Amino acid sequence: MPASARFVIVEGNYLLLDQEPWNGLAGLFDWTVFLDVPKGELARRLVQRWVEHGLSPEAARERAFSNDMANVELVTGRRREADTVIVFGR
């Protein structure tokens, strides 16, 4: 990244997580955004993603609900406040 860069955009599920080591990142961000998507929609998208990666629909649901949705619960339940929250589908 050149020194002249004015903006650096990062994204990730854990960047607002208020838990070690993720909470150590807070001071690096000038502005934060949280995308608030209904959990049902997240689940649908996660299952679809795993199907597109070659899993059967059953295996995709298992993967999404045994791992990914648990991470959703962790992050949404223990996140720091974002500067901006964008709410989808409500």
PDB file of N, CA and C in Angstrom:
ATOM      1  N   MET A   1       0.850  -1.158   0.000  1.00  0.00           N
ATOM      2  CA  MET A   1       0.000   0.000   0.000  1.00  0.00           C
ATOM      3  C   MET A   1       0.906   1.234   0.000  1.00  0.00           C
ATOM      4  N   PRO A   2       0.647   2.145  -0.900  1.00  0.00           N
ATOM      5  CA  PRO A   2       1.491   3.344  -0.958  1.00  0.00           C
ATOM      6  C   PRO A   2       1.234   4.271   0.230  1.00  0.00           C
ATOM      7  N   ALA A   3       2.236   5.021   0.623  1.00  0.00           N
ATOM      8  CA  ALA A   3       2.096   5.961   1.733  1.00  0.00           C
ATOM      9  C   ALA A   3       1.075   7.048   1.421  1.00  0.00           C
ATOM     10  N   SER A   4       0.790   7.247   0.151  1.00  0.00           N
ATOM     11  CA  SER A   4      -0.171   8.278  -0.238  1.00  0.00           C
ATOM     12  C   SER A   4      -1.628   7.832  -0.076  1.00  0.00           C
ATOM     13  N   ALA A   5      -1.852   6.583   0.270  1.00  0.00           N
ATOM     14  CA  ALA A   5      -3.218   6.081   0.416  1.00  0.00           C
ATOM     15  C   ALA A   5      -3.937   6.860   1.507  1.00  0.00           C
ATOM     16  N   ARG A   6      -5.119   7.367   1.175  1.00  0.00           N
ATOM     17  CA  ARG A   6      -5.906   8.129   2.147  1.00  0.00           C
ATOM     18  C   ARG A   6      -6.882   7.234   2.899  1.00  0.00           C
ATOM     19  N   PHE A   7      -7.303   6.146   2.255  1.00  0.00           N
ATOM     20  CA  PHE A   7      -8.283   5.258   2.857  1.00  0.00           C
ATOM     21  C   PHE A   7      -7.815   3.824   2.727  1.00  0.00           C
ATOM     22  N   VAL A   8      -7.996   3.075   3.783  1.00  0.00           N
ATOM     23  CA  VAL A   8      -7.782   1.636   3.767  1.00  0.00           C
ATOM     24  C   VAL A   8      -9.065   1.021   4.299  1.00  0.00           C
ATOM     25  N   ILE A   9      -9.680   0.169   3.498  1.00  0.00           N
ATOM     26  CA  ILE A   9     -10.924  -0.466   3.904  1.00  0.00           C
ATOM     27  C   ILE A   9     -10.639  -1.922   4.224  1.00  0.00           C
ATOM     28  N   VAL A  10     -11.044  -2.342   5.408  1.00  0.00           N
ATOM     29  CA  VAL A  10     -10.882  -3.731   5.825  1.00  0.00           C
ATOM     30  C   VAL A  10     -12.255  -4.276   6.195  1.00  0.00           C
ATOM     31  N   GLU A  11     -12.441  -5.560   6.015  1.00  0.00           N
ATOM     32  CA  GLU A  11     -13.706  -6.180   6.408  1.00  0.00           C
ATOM     33  C   GLU A  11     -13.409  -7.515   7.040  1.00  0.00           C
ATOM     34  N   GLY A  12     -14.293  -7.901   7.913  1.00  0.00           N
ATOM     35  CA  GLY A  12     -14.131  -9.193   8.547  1.00  0.00           C
ATOM     36  C   GLY A  12     -15.143  -9.384   9.648  1.00  0.00           C
ATOM     37  N   ASN A  13     -15.463 -10.621   9.911  1.00  0.00           N
ATOM     38  CA  ASN A  13     -16.484 -10.950  10.897  1.00  0.00           C
ATOM     39  C   ASN A  13     -16.094 -10.567  12.322  1.00  0.00           C
ATOM     40  N   TYR A  14     -14.813 -10.561  12.625  1.00  0.00           N
ATOM     41  CA  TYR A  14     -14.385 -10.396  14.006  1.00  0.00           C
ATOM     42  C   TYR A  14     -13.837  -9.010  14.327  1.00  0.00           C
ATOM     43  N   LEU A  15     -13.810  -8.097  13.382  1.00  0.00           N
ATOM     44  CA  LEU A  15     -13.131  -6.819  13.577  1.00  0.00           C
ATOM     45  C   LEU A  15     -13.756  -5.942  14.654  1.00  0.00           C
ATOM     46  N   LEU A  16     -15.019  -6.147  14.977  1.00  0.00           N
ATOM     47  CA  LEU A  16     -15.659  -5.397  16.067  1.00  0.00           C
ATOM     48  C   LEU A  16     -15.838  -6.244  17.325  1.00  0.00           C
ATOM     49  N   LEU A  17     -15.323  -7.457  17.316  1.00  0.00           N
ATOM     50  CA  LEU A  17     -15.489  -8.348  18.466  1.00  0.00           C
ATOM     51  C   LEU A  17     -14.752  -7.782  19.672  1.00  0.00           C
ATOM     52  N   ASP A  18     -15.459  -7.619  20.777  1.00  0.00           N
ATOM     53  CA  ASP A  18     -14.886  -7.062  21.997  1.00  0.00           C
ATOM     54  C   ASP A  18     -14.316  -8.185  22.851  1.00  0.00           C
ATOM     55  N   GLN A  19     -13.302  -8.833  22.297  1.00  0.00           N
ATOM     56  CA  GLN A  19     -12.675  -9.988  22.943  1.00  0.00           C
ATOM     57  C   GLN A  19     -11.250 -10.081  22.412  1.00  0.00           C
ATOM     58  N   GLU A  20     -10.324 -10.470  23.283  1.00  0.00           N
ATOM     59  CA  GLU A  20      -8.922 -10.642  22.873  1.00  0.00           C
ATOM     60  C   GLU A  20      -8.813 -11.667  21.768  1.00  0.00           C
ATOM     61  N   PRO A  21      -7.954 -11.506  20.811  1.00  0.00           N
ATOM     62  CA  PRO A  21      -7.090 -10.363  20.566  1.00  0.00           C
ATOM     63  C   PRO A  21      -7.745  -9.286  19.701  1.00  0.00           C
ATOM     64  N   TRP A  22      -8.983  -9.520  19.281  1.00  0.00           N
ATOM     65  CA  TRP A  22      -9.638  -8.640  18.314  1.00  0.00           C
ATOM     66  C   TRP A  22      -9.858  -7.240  18.844  1.00  0.00           C
ATOM     67  N   ASN A  23     -10.130  -7.095  20.127  1.00  0.00           N
ATOM     68  CA  ASN A  23     -10.392  -5.759  20.659  1.00  0.00           C
ATOM     69  C   ASN A  23      -9.152  -4.867  20.631  1.00  0.00           C
ATOM     70  N   GLY A  24      -7.996  -5.453  20.419  1.00  0.00           N
ATOM     71  CA  GLY A  24      -6.773  -4.661  20.276  1.00  0.00           C
ATOM     72  C   GLY A  24      -6.712  -3.880  18.978  1.00  0.00           C
ATOM     73  N   LEU A  25      -7.602  -4.193  18.055  1.00  0.00           N
ATOM     74  CA  LEU A  25      -7.631  -3.482  16.771  1.00  0.00           C
ATOM     75  C   LEU A  25      -8.385  -2.164  16.834  1.00  0.00           C
ATOM     76  N   ALA A  26      -9.162  -1.953  17.862  1.00  0.00           N
ATOM     77  CA  ALA A  26     -10.073  -0.803  17.929  1.00  0.00           C
ATOM     78  C   ALA A  26      -9.388   0.523  17.622  1.00  0.00           C
ATOM     79  N   GLY A  27      -8.222   0.725  18.140  1.00  0.00           N
ATOM     80  CA  GLY A  27      -7.516   1.991  17.941  1.00  0.00           C
ATOM     81  C   GLY A  27      -6.990   2.206  16.535  1.00  0.00           C
ATOM     82  N   LEU A  28      -7.037   1.184  15.708  1.00  0.00           N
ATOM     83  CA  LEU A  28      -6.533   1.310  14.340  1.00  0.00           C
ATOM     84  C   LEU A  28      -7.564   1.847  13.360  1.00  0.00           C
ATOM     85  N   PHE A  29      -8.828   1.877  13.779  1.00  0.00           N
ATOM     86  CA  PHE A  29      -9.903   2.255  12.870  1.00  0.00           C
ATOM     87  C   PHE A  29     -10.416   3.655  13.192  1.00  0.00           C
ATOM     88  N   ASP A  30     -10.518   4.473  12.162  1.00  0.00           N
ATOM     89  CA  ASP A  30     -11.085   5.811  12.326  1.00  0.00           C
ATOM     90  C   ASP A  30     -12.606   5.787  12.266  1.00  0.00           C
ATOM     91  N   TRP A  31     -13.140   4.824  11.543  1.00  0.00           N
ATOM     92  CA  TRP A  31     -14.585   4.755  11.338  1.00  0.00           C
ATOM     93  C   TRP A  31     -14.958   3.299  11.138  1.00  0.00           C
ATOM     94  N   THR A  32     -15.996   2.843  11.812  1.00  0.00           N
ATOM     95  CA  THR A  32     -16.425   1.459  11.695  1.00  0.00           C
ATOM     96  C   THR A  32     -17.875   1.389  11.247  1.00  0.00           C
ATOM     97  N   VAL A  33     -18.185   0.325  10.520  1.00  0.00           N
ATOM     98  CA  VAL A  33     -19.533   0.086  10.014  1.00  0.00           C
ATOM     99  C   VAL A  33     -19.899  -1.360  10.341  1.00  0.00           C
ATOM    100  N   PHE A  34     -21.114  -1.554  10.832  1.00  0.00           N
ATOM    101  CA  PHE A  34     -21.629  -2.899  11.070  1.00  0.00           C
ATOM    102  C   PHE A  34     -22.820  -3.105  10.158  1.00  0.00           C
ATOM    103  N   LEU A  35     -22.800  -4.191   9.401  1.00  0.00           N
ATOM    104  CA  LEU A  35     -23.914  -4.549   8.529  1.00  0.00           C
ATOM    105  C   LEU A  35     -24.828  -5.481   9.310  1.00  0.00           C
ATOM    106  N   ASP A  36     -25.998  -5.004   9.654  1.00  0.00           N
ATOM    107  CA  ASP A  36     -26.959  -5.751  10.467  1.00  0.00           C
ATOM    108  C   ASP A  36     -27.938  -6.463   9.536  1.00  0.00           C
ATOM    109  N   VAL A  37     -27.666  -7.736   9.301  1.00  0.00           N
ATOM    110  CA  VAL A  37     -28.462  -8.557   8.386  1.00  0.00           C
ATOM    111  C   VAL A  37     -29.244  -9.564   9.223  1.00  0.00           C
ATOM    112  N   PRO A  38     -30.539  -9.761   8.947  1.00  0.00           N
ATOM    113  CA  PRO A  38     -31.311 -10.739   9.714  1.00  0.00           C
ATOM    114  C   PRO A  38     -30.634 -12.121   9.703  1.00  0.00           C
ATOM    115  N   LYS A  39     -30.664 -12.788  10.836  1.00  0.00           N
ATOM    116  CA  LYS A  39     -29.978 -14.083  10.956  1.00  0.00           C
ATOM    117  C   LYS A  39     -30.502 -15.119   9.967  1.00  0.00           C
ATOM    118  N   GLY A  40     -31.786 -15.081   9.670  1.00  0.00           N
ATOM    119  CA  GLY A  40     -32.328 -16.009   8.684  1.00  0.00           C
ATOM    120  C   GLY A  40     -31.711 -15.799   7.304  1.00  0.00           C
ATOM    121  N   GLU A  41     -31.512 -14.556   6.945  1.00  0.00           N
ATOM    122  CA  GLU A  41     -30.875 -14.249   5.660  1.00  0.00           C
ATOM    123  C   GLU A  41     -29.408 -14.670   5.668  1.00  0.00           C
ATOM    124  N   LEU A  42     -28.720 -14.424   6.780  1.00  0.00           N
ATOM    125  CA  LEU A  42     -27.324 -14.876   6.883  1.00  0.00           C
ATOM    126  C   LEU A  42     -27.240 -16.386   6.712  1.00  0.00           C
ATOM    127  N   ALA A  43     -28.117 -17.114   7.377  1.00  0.00           N
ATOM    128  CA  ALA A  43     -28.114 -18.575   7.280  1.00  0.00           C
ATOM    129  C   ALA A  43     -28.345 -19.013   5.838  1.00  0.00           C
ATOM    130  N   ARG A  44     -29.309 -18.391   5.178  1.00  0.00           N
ATOM    131  CA  ARG A  44     -29.601 -18.739   3.785  1.00  0.00           C
ATOM    132  C   ARG A  44     -28.383 -18.518   2.905  1.00  0.00           C
ATOM    133  N   ARG A  45     -27.733 -17.377   3.078  1.00  0.00           N
ATOM    134  CA  ARG A  45     -26.542 -17.062   2.265  1.00  0.00           C
ATOM    135  C   ARG A  45     -25.389 -18.010   2.559  1.00  0.00           C
ATOM    136  N   LEU A  46     -25.213 -18.364   3.833  1.00  0.00           N
ATOM    137  CA  LEU A  46     -24.130 -19.281   4.194  1.00  0.00           C
ATOM    138  C   LEU A  46     -24.348 -20.666   3.598  1.00  0.00           C
ATOM    139  N   VAL A  47     -25.567 -21.164   3.689  1.00  0.00           N
ATOM    140  CA  VAL A  47     -25.865 -22.469   3.090  1.00  0.00           C
ATOM    141  C   VAL A  47     -25.600 -22.412   1.591  1.00  0.00           C
ATOM    142  N   GLN A  48     -26.067 -21.368   0.943  1.00  0.00           N
ATOM    143  CA  GLN A  48     -25.857 -21.230  -0.497  1.00  0.00           C
ATOM    144  C   GLN A  48     -24.374 -21.185  -0.841  1.00  0.00           C
ATOM    145  N   ARG A  49     -23.602 -20.468  -0.038  1.00  0.00           N
ATOM    146  CA  ARG A  49     -22.154 -20.386  -0.279  1.00  0.00           C
ATOM    147  C   ARG A  49     -21.521 -21.771  -0.243  1.00  0.00           C
ATOM    148  N   TRP A  50     -21.895 -22.584   0.772  1.00  0.00           N
ATOM    149  CA  TRP A  50     -21.307 -23.915   0.881  1.00  0.00           C
ATOM    150  C   TRP A  50     -21.781 -24.842  -0.231  1.00  0.00           C
ATOM    151  N   VAL A  51     -23.009 -24.674  -0.687  1.00  0.00           N
ATOM    152  CA  VAL A  51     -23.483 -25.452  -1.839  1.00  0.00           C
ATOM    153  C   VAL A  51     -22.661 -25.071  -3.070  1.00  0.00           C
ATOM    154  N   GLU A  52     -22.415 -23.782  -3.252  1.00  0.00           N
ATOM    155  CA  GLU A  52     -21.610 -23.328  -4.394  1.00  0.00           C
ATOM    156  C   GLU A  52     -20.168 -23.807  -4.310  1.00  0.00           C
ATOM    157  N   HIS A  53     -19.703 -24.141  -3.107  1.00  0.00           N
ATOM    158  CA  HIS A  53     -18.355 -24.704  -2.932  1.00  0.00           C
ATOM    159  C   HIS A  53     -18.350 -26.222  -3.073  1.00  0.00           C
ATOM    160  N   GLY A  54     -19.503 -26.783  -3.426  1.00  0.00           N
ATOM    161  CA  GLY A  54     -19.534 -28.206  -3.730  1.00  0.00           C
ATOM    162  C   GLY A  54     -20.160 -29.119  -2.695  1.00  0.00           C
ATOM    163  N   LEU A  55     -20.603 -28.574  -1.571  1.00  0.00           N
ATOM    164  CA  LEU A  55     -21.241 -29.430  -0.576  1.00  0.00           C
ATOM    165  C   LEU A  55     -22.679 -29.726  -0.979  1.00  0.00           C
ATOM    166  N   SER A  56     -23.176 -30.865  -0.541  1.00  0.00           N
ATOM    167  CA  SER A  56     -24.595 -31.165  -0.751  1.00  0.00           C
ATOM    168  C   SER A  56     -25.410 -30.190   0.088  1.00  0.00           C
ATOM    169  N   PRO A  57     -26.677 -29.987  -0.243  1.00  0.00           N
ATOM    170  CA  PRO A  57     -27.497 -29.095   0.585  1.00  0.00           C
ATOM    171  C   PRO A  57     -27.510 -29.492   2.065  1.00  0.00           C
ATOM    172  N   GLU A  58     -27.552 -30.790   2.344  1.00  0.00           N
ATOM    173  CA  GLU A  58     -27.558 -31.250   3.736  1.00  0.00           C
ATOM    174  C   GLU A  58     -26.236 -30.919   4.429  1.00  0.00           C
ATOM    175  N   ALA A  59     -25.115 -31.205   3.748  1.00  0.00           N
ATOM    176  CA  ALA A  59     -23.801 -30.911   4.317  1.00  0.00           C
ATOM    177  C   ALA A  59     -23.599 -29.406   4.472  1.00  0.00           C
ATOM    178  N   ALA A  60     -24.123 -28.641   3.532  1.00  0.00           N
ATOM    179  CA  ALA A  60     -24.009 -27.187   3.592  1.00  0.00           C
ATOM    180  C   ALA A  60     -24.765 -26.637   4.801  1.00  0.00           C
ATOM    181  N   ARG A  61     -25.968 -27.156   5.056  1.00  0.00           N
ATOM    182  CA  ARG A  61     -26.737 -26.724   6.226  1.00  0.00           C
ATOM    183  C   ARG A  61     -25.998 -27.093   7.518  1.00  0.00           C
ATOM    184  N   GLU A  62     -25.456 -28.308   7.563  1.00  0.00           N
ATOM    185  CA  GLU A  62     -24.704 -28.739   8.744  1.00  0.00           C
ATOM    186  C   GLU A  62     -23.517 -27.814   8.995  1.00  0.00           C
ATOM    187  N   ARG A  63     -22.783 -27.512   7.959  1.00  0.00           N
ATOM    188  CA  ARG A  63     -21.611 -26.639   8.099  1.00  0.00           C
ATOM    189  C   ARG A  63     -22.025 -25.244   8.553  1.00  0.00           C
ATOM    190  N   ALA A  64     -23.057 -24.708   7.909  1.00  0.00           N
ATOM    191  CA  ALA A  64     -23.506 -23.353   8.243  1.00  0.00           C
ATOM    192  C   ALA A  64     -23.996 -23.260   9.689  1.00  0.00           C
ATOM    193  N   PHE A  65     -24.780 -24.245  10.118  1.00  0.00           N
ATOM    194  CA  PHE A  65     -25.376 -24.147  11.451  1.00  0.00           C
ATOM    195  C   PHE A  65     -24.468 -24.649  12.562  1.00  0.00           C
ATOM    196  N   SER A  66     -23.506 -25.506  12.261  1.00  0.00           N
ATOM    197  CA  SER A  66     -22.622 -26.001  13.322  1.00  0.00           C
ATOM    198  C   SER A  66     -21.432 -25.082  13.553  1.00  0.00           C
ATOM    199  N   ASN A  67     -21.076 -24.283  12.561  1.00  0.00           N
ATOM    200  CA  ASN A  67     -19.892 -23.442  12.685  1.00  0.00           C
ATOM    201  C   ASN A  67     -20.206 -21.970  12.428  1.00  0.00           C
ATOM    202  N   ASP A  68     -20.655 -21.666  11.240  1.00  0.00           N
ATOM    203  CA  ASP A  68     -20.806 -20.273  10.822  1.00  0.00           C
ATOM    204  C   ASP A  68     -21.820 -19.502  11.667  1.00  0.00           C
ATOM    205  N   MET A  69     -22.978 -20.087  11.908  1.00  0.00           N
ATOM    206  CA  MET A  69     -23.995 -19.376  12.680  1.00  0.00           C
ATOM    207  C   MET A  69     -23.583 -19.232  14.144  1.00  0.00           C
ATOM    208  N   ALA A  70     -22.780 -20.162  14.646  1.00  0.00           N
ATOM    209  CA  ALA A  70     -22.234 -20.001  16.006  1.00  0.00           C
ATOM    210  C   ALA A  70     -21.324 -18.782  16.056  1.00  0.00           C
ATOM    211  N   ASN A  71     -20.555 -18.567  14.991  1.00  0.00           N
ATOM    212  CA  ASN A  71     -19.699 -17.385  14.910  1.00  0.00           C
ATOM    213  C   ASN A  71     -20.535 -16.111  14.815  1.00  0.00           C
ATOM    214  N   VAL A  72     -21.636 -16.169  14.076  1.00  0.00           N
ATOM    215  CA  VAL A  72     -22.551 -15.024  13.996  1.00  0.00           C
ATOM    216  C   VAL A  72     -23.042 -14.656  15.393  1.00  0.00           C
ATOM    217  N   GLU A  73     -23.456 -15.652  16.152  1.00  0.00           N
ATOM    218  CA  GLU A  73     -23.953 -15.413  17.515  1.00  0.00           C
ATOM    219  C   GLU A  73     -22.868 -14.784  18.390  1.00  0.00           C
ATOM    220  N   LEU A  74     -21.656 -15.297  18.289  1.00  0.00           N
ATOM    221  CA  LEU A  74     -20.547 -14.756  19.075  1.00  0.00           C
ATOM    222  C   LEU A  74     -20.312 -13.292  18.733  1.00  0.00           C
ATOM    223  N   VAL A  75     -20.182 -13.005  17.452  1.00  0.00           N
ATOM    224  CA  VAL A  75     -19.841 -11.643  17.027  1.00  0.00           C
ATOM    225  C   VAL A  75     -20.979 -10.667  17.329  1.00  0.00           C
ATOM    226  N   THR A  76     -22.208 -11.043  17.031  1.00  0.00           N
ATOM    227  CA  THR A  76     -23.307 -10.111  17.273  1.00  0.00           C
ATOM    228  C   THR A  76     -23.576  -9.921  18.766  1.00  0.00           C
ATOM    229  N   GLY A  77     -23.264 -10.917  19.549  1.00  0.00           N
ATOM    230  CA  GLY A  77     -23.493 -10.815  20.987  1.00  0.00           C
ATOM    231  C   GLY A  77     -22.406 -10.098  21.747  1.00  0.00           C
ATOM    232  N   ARG A  78     -21.208  -9.994  21.159  1.00  0.00           N
ATOM    233  CA  ARG A  78     -20.072  -9.417  21.891  1.00  0.00           C
ATOM    234  C   ARG A  78     -19.309  -8.404  21.060  1.00  0.00           C
ATOM    235  N   ARG A  79     -20.006  -7.647  20.246  1.00  0.00           N
ATOM    236  CA  ARG A  79     -19.303  -6.672  19.410  1.00  0.00           C
ATOM    237  C   ARG A  79     -19.318  -5.299  20.058  1.00  0.00           C
ATOM    238  N   ARG A  80     -18.282  -4.533  19.725  1.00  0.00           N
ATOM    239  CA  ARG A  80     -18.242  -3.141  20.127  1.00  0.00           C
ATOM    240  C   ARG A  80     -19.240  -2.356  19.282  1.00  0.00           C
ATOM    241  N   GLU A  81     -19.614  -1.198  19.753  1.00  0.00           N
ATOM    242  CA  GLU A  81     -20.498  -0.338  18.975  1.00  0.00           C
ATOM    243  C   GLU A  81     -19.769   0.151  17.737  1.00  0.00           C
ATOM    244  N   ALA A  82     -20.469   0.141  16.618  1.00  0.00           N
ATOM    245  CA  ALA A  82     -19.916   0.672  15.374  1.00  0.00           C
ATOM    246  C   ALA A  82     -20.329   2.135  15.248  1.00  0.00           C
ATOM    247  N   ASP A  83     -19.540   2.887  14.494  1.00  0.00           N
ATOM    248  CA  ASP A  83     -19.892   4.279  14.235  1.00  0.00           C
ATOM    249  C   ASP A  83     -21.176   4.369  13.411  1.00  0.00           C
ATOM    250  N   THR A  84     -21.338   3.436  12.507  1.00  0.00           N
ATOM    251  CA  THR A  84     -22.515   3.401  11.642  1.00  0.00           C
ATOM    252  C   THR A  84     -23.034   1.974  11.589  1.00  0.00           C
ATOM    253  N   VAL A  85     -24.339   1.814  11.693  1.00  0.00           N
ATOM    254  CA  VAL A  85     -24.978   0.506  11.544  1.00  0.00           C
ATOM    255  C   VAL A  85     -25.926   0.612  10.342  1.00  0.00           C
ATOM    256  N   ILE A  86     -25.747  -0.288   9.398  1.00  0.00           N
ATOM    257  CA  ILE A  86     -26.621  -0.344   8.235  1.00  0.00           C
ATOM    258  C   ILE A  86     -27.503  -1.572   8.416  1.00  0.00           C
ATOM    259  N   VAL A  87     -28.802  -1.347   8.484  1.00  0.00           N
ATOM    260  CA  VAL A  87     -29.761  -2.420   8.741  1.00  0.00           C
ATOM    261  C   VAL A  87     -30.360  -2.865   7.410  1.00  0.00           C
ATOM    262  N   PHE A  88     -30.321  -4.170   7.159  1.00  0.00           N
ATOM    263  CA  PHE A  88     -30.849  -4.760   5.938  1.00  0.00           C
ATOM    264  C   PHE A  88     -32.105  -5.563   6.244  1.00  0.00           C
ATOM    265  N   GLY A  89     -33.078  -5.490   5.373  1.00  0.00           N
ATOM    266  CA  GLY A  89     -34.216  -6.402   5.385  1.00  0.00           C
ATOM    267  C   GLY A  89     -35.134  -6.358   6.577  1.00  0.00           C
ATOM    268  N   ARG A  90     -35.288  -5.235   7.202  1.00  0.00           N
ATOM    269  CA  ARG A  90     -36.209  -5.154   8.347  1.00  0.00           C
ATOM    270  C   ARG A  90     -37.215  -4.077   8.122  1.00  0.00           C
TER     271      ARG A  90
END
